[in-house]
Amino acid sequence: MLELAQQILYAEAQAILKASEQLDEDFVKIATKIANIKGNLIIIGVGKSAIIGKKMSASFASCGVKSFFIHAAELMHGDLGNIDSNDICILISFSGKSEEVLKIIPFLQDRQCALFSISQNNSPLANFCQANINTNCNEAIKDIPAPTSSTTLTLALSDALLALVVKLKDFKINDFAKNHPGGSLGKRYYEKVADLMHTTNLPLATTSINIKDAILIMSKCSFGCVVLCNNDELVGFFSDGDLRRAMQEEDFSFEKKALFYASTNPKCIDKNALAHDAFKKMKENKISVLCVVENKKVIGLLKLLDE
């Protein structure tokens, strides 16, 4: 049974790999049109293709392209009113022979909108449209034509198309975050450093503090560091790691200034930066606490544990 499951996964993976080798200029043409769209991107399909189309539309909308899905059958019953000449319609049909999809083409042509398809090359649907993304493949389950490889391939192709559009539009993570204010994804990409930083009980000290007193502040404030300031401006960062390294020195003394062993060029971040970027910065630099600075003054600290 496991071998059969592996065969299905392999067949679907092969369909995607084969398609990646057969991409042509139609793919780039469609992506370029979408990136410069003036109206809406409308995805149309029936059956399992409709389900893939809903996901495709939702993904484009999340990346700054106004998009929605319409079931092909509903277009014949009033939903044509949603479409005008500024729109782009992408019709999905693996066979390219779906009656409900072919039936609406004359009405879409009358609207003078751009028509593209995701279907097999040279299918009736592909021949009616201005450009086509080829989905020619064999379904994965032997002797059963249930949509398997075809739907997987269509989904993968829609993701590749989205990637091109994102690149062409120069759509950035900040833009993405604006469309995802809720849920764990929104928390990761929408929250600012100011939303998470600590502003009370900060381990601040003057540059004249000795190691003995710095340890007392470390223990009291539980940040594992002491931030050294001069007239409230950041000068140095003395961490518990700095303390351990200092204690290995032959001339170590608790009366020495903490600044002598501190980092005098500590990593900082602005309060308006994305929290996601701040945590990434900490991981890249292998630090657990980041100073939040405004006009050179420390206004808060962000812990890696706050992620």
Protein backbone atom coordinates (compact mmCIF):
# COMPACT_ATOMS: atom_id res chain seq x y z
CA MET A 1 0.00 0.00 0.00
CA LEU A 2 2.84 2.36 0.79
CA GLU A 3 4.41 1.60 -2.56
CA LEU A 4 1.18 2.56 -4.30
CA ALA A 5 1.04 5.84 -2.36
CA GLN A 6 4.63 6.56 -3.34
CA GLN A 7 3.79 5.90 -6.98
CA ILE A 8 0.97 8.46 -6.85
CA LEU A 9 3.22 11.11 -5.32
CA TYR A 10 5.94 10.35 -7.86
CA ALA A 11 3.48 10.61 -10.77
CA GLU A 12 2.20 13.98 -9.59
CA ALA A 13 5.73 15.25 -8.99
CA GLN A 14 6.74 14.12 -12.48
CA ALA A 15 3.81 16.03 -13.98
CA ILE A 16 5.08 19.23 -12.35
CA LEU A 17 8.69 18.62 -13.41
CA LYS A 18 7.66 17.96 -16.99
CA ALA A 19 5.55 21.12 -17.06
CA SER A 20 8.47 23.17 -15.72
CA GLU A 21 10.51 22.13 -18.75
CA GLN A 22 7.74 23.07 -21.17
CA LEU A 23 6.90 26.59 -20.01
CA ASP A 24 6.80 29.02 -22.91
CA GLU A 25 6.32 32.69 -23.66
CA ASP A 26 2.57 32.43 -23.09
CA PHE A 27 3.34 32.02 -19.39
CA VAL A 28 5.33 35.26 -19.27
CA LYS A 29 2.73 37.02 -21.43
CA ILE A 30 -0.06 36.16 -19.01
CA ALA A 31 2.01 37.16 -15.96
CA THR A 32 2.89 40.51 -17.54
CA LYS A 33 -0.75 41.23 -18.39
CA ILE A 34 -1.82 40.45 -14.82
CA ALA A 35 0.94 42.61 -13.33
CA ASN A 36 -0.34 45.58 -15.38
CA ILE A 37 -4.04 44.87 -14.95
CA LYS A 38 -6.40 47.83 -14.64
CA GLY A 39 -9.47 45.89 -13.61
CA ASN A 40 -10.01 42.57 -11.83
CA LEU A 41 -8.49 39.16 -12.30
CA ILE A 42 -11.40 36.74 -12.62
CA ILE A 43 -10.85 33.01 -12.35
CA ILE A 44 -13.51 30.76 -13.90
CA GLY A 45 -13.98 27.01 -13.74
CA VAL A 46 -16.22 24.08 -12.83
CA GLY A 47 -15.78 20.91 -10.80
CA LYS A 48 -12.37 20.29 -9.25
CA SER A 49 -10.94 23.08 -11.40
CA ALA A 50 -13.29 25.45 -9.60
CA ILE A 51 -11.78 24.49 -6.26
CA ILE A 52 -8.28 25.15 -7.58
CA GLY A 53 -9.54 28.40 -9.08
CA LYS A 54 -10.80 29.61 -5.70
CA LYS A 55 -7.41 29.07 -4.15
CA MET A 56 -5.70 30.74 -7.10
CA SER A 57 -7.92 33.81 -6.82
CA ALA A 58 -7.40 34.06 -3.07
CA SER A 59 -3.61 33.89 -3.49
CA PHE A 60 -3.56 36.66 -6.09
CA ALA A 61 -5.80 38.85 -3.92
CA SER A 62 -3.43 38.40 -0.98
CA CYS A 63 -0.59 39.67 -3.15
CA GLY A 64 -2.22 42.87 -4.30
CA VAL A 65 -4.14 41.78 -7.40
CA LYS A 66 -7.87 42.37 -7.10
CA SER A 67 -9.30 38.97 -7.88
CA PHE A 68 -12.34 36.80 -7.38
CA PHE A 69 -13.66 33.44 -8.56
CA ILE A 70 -16.88 32.85 -10.52
CA HIS A 71 -18.33 29.43 -11.21
CA ALA A 72 -18.84 29.05 -14.96
CA ALA A 73 -22.51 28.11 -14.53
CA GLU A 74 -23.23 31.27 -12.53
CA LEU A 75 -21.96 33.48 -15.35
CA MET A 76 -25.02 32.49 -17.39
CA HIS A 77 -27.29 33.66 -14.59
CA GLY A 78 -26.24 37.22 -13.89
CA ASP A 79 -22.58 37.12 -12.87
CA LEU A 80 -21.51 38.43 -16.28
CA GLY A 81 -22.38 41.80 -14.81
CA ASN A 82 -19.15 41.59 -12.80
CA ILE A 83 -16.97 41.65 -15.92
CA ASP A 84 -15.89 44.52 -18.18
CA SER A 85 -13.18 45.31 -20.72
CA ASN A 86 -10.54 46.15 -18.08
CA ASP A 87 -10.66 42.67 -16.59
CA ILE A 88 -8.65 39.56 -17.25
CA CYS A 89 -10.43 36.21 -17.23
CA ILE A 90 -8.54 32.97 -16.71
CA LEU A 91 -10.60 29.91 -17.58
CA ILE A 92 -9.52 26.58 -16.08
CA SER A 93 -10.36 23.24 -17.66
CA PHE A 94 -7.94 20.32 -17.84
CA SER A 95 -9.57 18.81 -20.91
CA GLY A 96 -10.45 22.18 -22.41
CA LYS A 97 -13.81 20.67 -23.36
CA SER A 98 -15.96 21.51 -20.34
CA GLU A 99 -19.33 22.48 -21.76
CA GLU A 100 -20.09 25.06 -19.08
CA VAL A 101 -16.78 26.83 -19.74
CA LEU A 102 -16.94 26.79 -23.54
CA LYS A 103 -20.53 28.04 -23.51
CA ILE A 104 -19.60 31.33 -21.84
CA ILE A 105 -16.74 32.29 -24.19
CA PRO A 106 -18.86 34.24 -26.74
CA PHE A 107 -20.33 36.30 -23.91
CA LEU A 108 -16.88 37.01 -22.46
CA GLN A 109 -15.61 37.98 -25.89
CA ASP A 110 -18.51 40.39 -26.15
CA ARG A 111 -17.24 42.06 -22.95
CA GLN A 112 -13.86 42.58 -24.68
CA CYS A 113 -11.92 41.39 -21.64
CA ALA A 114 -8.62 39.53 -21.98
CA LEU A 115 -9.14 35.75 -22.12
CA PHE A 116 -6.48 33.29 -20.99
CA SER A 117 -6.74 29.60 -20.21
CA ILE A 118 -5.13 26.91 -18.11
CA SER A 119 -5.78 23.81 -20.18
CA GLN A 120 -4.16 21.33 -22.54
CA ASN A 121 -2.54 22.90 -25.57
CA ASN A 122 -4.67 22.81 -28.72
CA SER A 123 -7.83 22.05 -26.75
CA PRO A 124 -11.02 23.85 -27.82
CA LEU A 125 -10.66 26.18 -24.82
CA ALA A 126 -7.01 26.98 -25.50
CA ASN A 127 -7.77 27.74 -29.15
CA PHE A 128 -10.41 30.31 -28.16
CA CYS A 129 -8.09 32.18 -25.75
CA GLN A 130 -5.30 34.67 -26.35
CA ALA A 131 -2.72 32.56 -24.47
CA ASN A 132 -2.72 29.23 -22.68
CA ILE A 133 -0.81 27.55 -19.87
CA ASN A 134 -0.42 23.90 -20.81
CA THR A 135 -1.62 21.24 -18.34
CA ASN A 136 -1.03 18.17 -20.46
CA CYS A 137 -0.36 15.22 -18.12
CA ASN A 138 -1.64 11.79 -17.15
CA GLU A 139 -3.75 11.35 -14.06
CA ALA A 140 -1.95 9.50 -11.28
CA ILE A 141 -4.42 6.72 -10.46
CA LYS A 142 -4.28 4.01 -13.10
CA ASP A 143 -7.56 3.38 -14.96
CA ILE A 144 -9.40 5.98 -12.85
CA PRO A 145 -9.60 9.47 -14.42
CA ALA A 146 -10.16 11.22 -11.09
CA PRO A 147 -8.45 14.66 -11.08
CA THR A 148 -5.11 14.05 -9.41
CA SER A 149 -2.02 15.06 -11.37
CA SER A 150 -4.05 17.60 -13.34
CA THR A 151 -5.29 19.50 -10.29
CA THR A 152 -1.90 19.31 -8.59
CA LEU A 153 -0.25 20.64 -11.72
CA THR A 154 -2.80 23.43 -12.13
CA LEU A 155 -2.25 24.50 -8.54
CA ALA A 156 1.53 24.49 -8.97
CA LEU A 157 1.32 26.45 -12.23
CA SER A 158 -0.91 29.05 -10.58
CA ASP A 159 1.65 29.44 -7.82
CA ALA A 160 4.44 29.89 -10.38
CA LEU A 161 2.32 32.47 -12.18
CA LEU A 162 1.76 34.29 -8.91
CA ALA A 163 5.51 34.37 -8.26
CA LEU A 164 6.13 36.06 -11.61
CA VAL A 165 3.44 38.64 -10.97
CA VAL A 166 4.83 39.39 -7.50
CA LYS A 167 8.25 39.90 -9.07
CA LEU A 168 6.92 42.13 -11.85
CA LYS A 169 4.87 44.26 -9.42
CA ASP A 170 7.83 44.52 -7.01
CA PHE A 171 5.41 43.42 -4.29
CA LYS A 172 7.24 43.44 -0.94
CA ILE A 173 6.68 41.75 2.40
CA ASN A 174 5.36 45.03 3.85
CA ASP A 175 2.70 45.09 1.14
CA PHE A 176 1.88 41.46 1.87
CA ALA A 177 1.55 42.19 5.58
CA LYS A 178 -1.10 44.85 4.95
CA ASN A 179 -3.39 42.20 3.49
CA HIS A 180 -2.87 39.79 6.43
CA PRO A 181 -3.65 41.65 9.67
CA GLY A 182 -5.19 38.61 11.37
CA GLY A 183 -4.17 35.13 12.45
CA SER A 184 -0.70 33.75 13.04
CA LEU A 185 0.42 34.86 9.57
CA GLY A 186 -0.73 38.41 10.26
CA LYS A 187 0.99 38.40 13.63
CA ARG A 188 4.23 37.38 11.99
CA TYR A 189 4.19 39.91 9.16
CA TYR A 190 2.07 42.78 10.45
CA GLU A 191 3.18 43.33 14.02
CA LYS A 192 5.71 46.09 14.53
CA VAL A 193 8.61 46.08 16.96
CA ALA A 194 6.72 48.71 18.97
CA ASP A 195 3.90 46.21 19.53
CA LEU A 196 6.18 43.68 21.24
CA MET A 197 9.10 45.58 22.76
CA HIS A 198 9.62 45.84 26.52
CA THR A 199 9.59 49.39 27.87
CA THR A 200 9.61 48.85 31.65
CA ASN A 201 12.20 47.47 34.06
CA LEU A 202 14.87 47.93 31.41
CA PRO A 203 18.47 47.08 32.43
CA LEU A 204 19.88 50.54 31.75
CA ALA A 205 23.06 51.83 33.36
CA THR A 206 25.69 54.52 32.88
CA THR A 207 29.00 53.77 31.21
CA SER A 208 30.77 54.07 34.57
CA ILE A 209 29.10 51.00 36.11
CA ASN A 210 31.41 48.20 37.21
CA ILE A 211 30.89 44.52 36.51
CA LYS A 212 29.71 43.77 40.06
CA ASP A 213 26.83 46.26 39.85
CA ALA A 214 26.08 45.21 36.26
CA ILE A 215 25.52 41.65 37.46
CA LEU A 216 23.01 42.91 40.04
CA ILE A 217 21.09 44.73 37.28
CA MET A 218 21.17 41.63 35.07
CA SER A 219 19.67 39.56 37.88
CA LYS A 220 17.03 42.14 38.74
CA CYS A 221 15.80 42.87 35.23
CA SER A 222 16.02 39.35 33.75
CA PHE A 223 17.14 40.39 30.27
CA GLY A 224 20.54 38.74 30.49
CA CYS A 225 22.26 42.02 29.66
CA VAL A 226 22.95 45.57 30.71
CA VAL A 227 22.54 48.45 28.25
CA LEU A 228 25.17 51.10 28.81
CA CYS A 229 24.19 54.69 28.08
CA ASN A 230 25.66 58.17 28.19
CA ASN A 231 23.03 60.87 28.65
CA ASP A 232 20.43 58.26 27.70
CA GLU A 233 22.19 57.57 24.38
CA LEU A 234 23.26 54.00 23.60
CA VAL A 235 26.99 53.41 24.02
CA GLY A 236 27.47 49.72 24.78
CA PHE A 237 25.79 46.39 25.38
CA PHE A 238 27.10 44.10 28.13
CA SER A 239 25.63 40.59 27.90
CA ASP A 240 25.91 37.51 30.07
CA GLY A 241 28.10 36.09 27.31
CA ASP A 242 30.43 39.07 27.67
CA LEU A 243 30.52 38.41 31.41
CA ARG A 244 31.52 34.76 30.95
CA ARG A 245 34.28 35.73 28.52
CA ALA A 246 35.50 38.45 30.88
CA MET A 247 35.77 36.03 33.79
CA GLN A 248 38.20 33.92 31.76
CA GLU A 249 40.69 36.80 31.59
CA GLU A 250 43.68 36.54 33.93
CA ASP A 251 43.32 40.15 35.12
CA PHE A 252 39.53 39.91 35.59
CA SER A 253 38.09 42.01 38.39
CA PHE A 254 34.50 42.70 39.45
CA GLU A 255 35.55 46.31 39.94
CA LYS A 256 36.40 46.80 36.28
CA LYS A 257 33.99 48.77 34.17
CA ALA A 258 31.48 46.68 32.23
CA LEU A 259 32.10 48.92 29.23
CA PHE A 260 35.63 47.47 28.98
CA TYR A 261 34.14 44.11 27.91
CA ALA A 262 30.94 45.34 26.31
CA SER A 263 30.06 45.58 22.63
CA THR A 264 30.35 49.22 21.63
CA ASN A 265 28.55 48.74 18.34
CA PRO A 266 25.43 46.84 19.45
CA LYS A 267 22.71 45.77 17.03
CA CYS A 268 19.70 48.09 17.05
CA ILE A 269 16.36 48.44 15.34
CA ASP A 270 13.66 51.06 14.84
CA LYS A 271 10.36 50.68 16.66
CA ASN A 272 8.45 50.90 13.37
CA ALA A 273 10.27 47.95 11.81
CA LEU A 274 8.41 44.68 11.34
CA ALA A 275 8.82 42.35 14.29
CA HIS A 276 9.49 39.60 11.76
CA ASP A 277 12.54 41.51 10.49
CA ALA A 278 13.76 42.10 14.03
CA PHE A 279 13.61 38.41 14.93
CA LYS A 280 15.35 37.54 11.68
CA LYS A 281 18.10 40.02 12.51
CA MET A 282 18.58 38.47 15.95
CA LYS A 283 18.82 34.95 14.55
CA GLU A 284 21.28 35.99 11.86
CA ASN A 285 23.52 37.71 14.42
CA LYS A 286 23.00 35.03 17.09
CA ILE A 287 21.78 37.45 19.73
CA SER A 288 18.83 37.08 22.08
CA VAL A 289 18.11 40.75 22.87
CA LEU A 290 17.86 43.69 20.48
CA CYS A 291 17.95 47.36 21.42
CA VAL A 292 15.11 49.51 20.11
CA VAL A 293 16.50 52.99 19.50
CA GLU A 294 14.94 56.33 18.63
CA ASN A 295 17.21 59.35 18.06
CA LYS A 296 20.11 57.27 19.47
CA LYS A 297 18.22 56.74 22.72
CA VAL A 298 17.12 53.32 23.98
CA ILE A 299 13.33 53.25 24.24
CA GLY A 300 12.86 49.50 24.60
CA LEU A 301 14.26 45.99 24.25
CA LEU A 302 13.03 43.06 22.19
CA LYS A 303 13.69 39.47 23.23
CA LEU A 304 14.04 36.59 20.80
CA LEU A 305 11.71 34.70 23.14
CA ASP A 306 8.97 37.23 22.28
CA GLU A 307 8.63 35.71 18.80
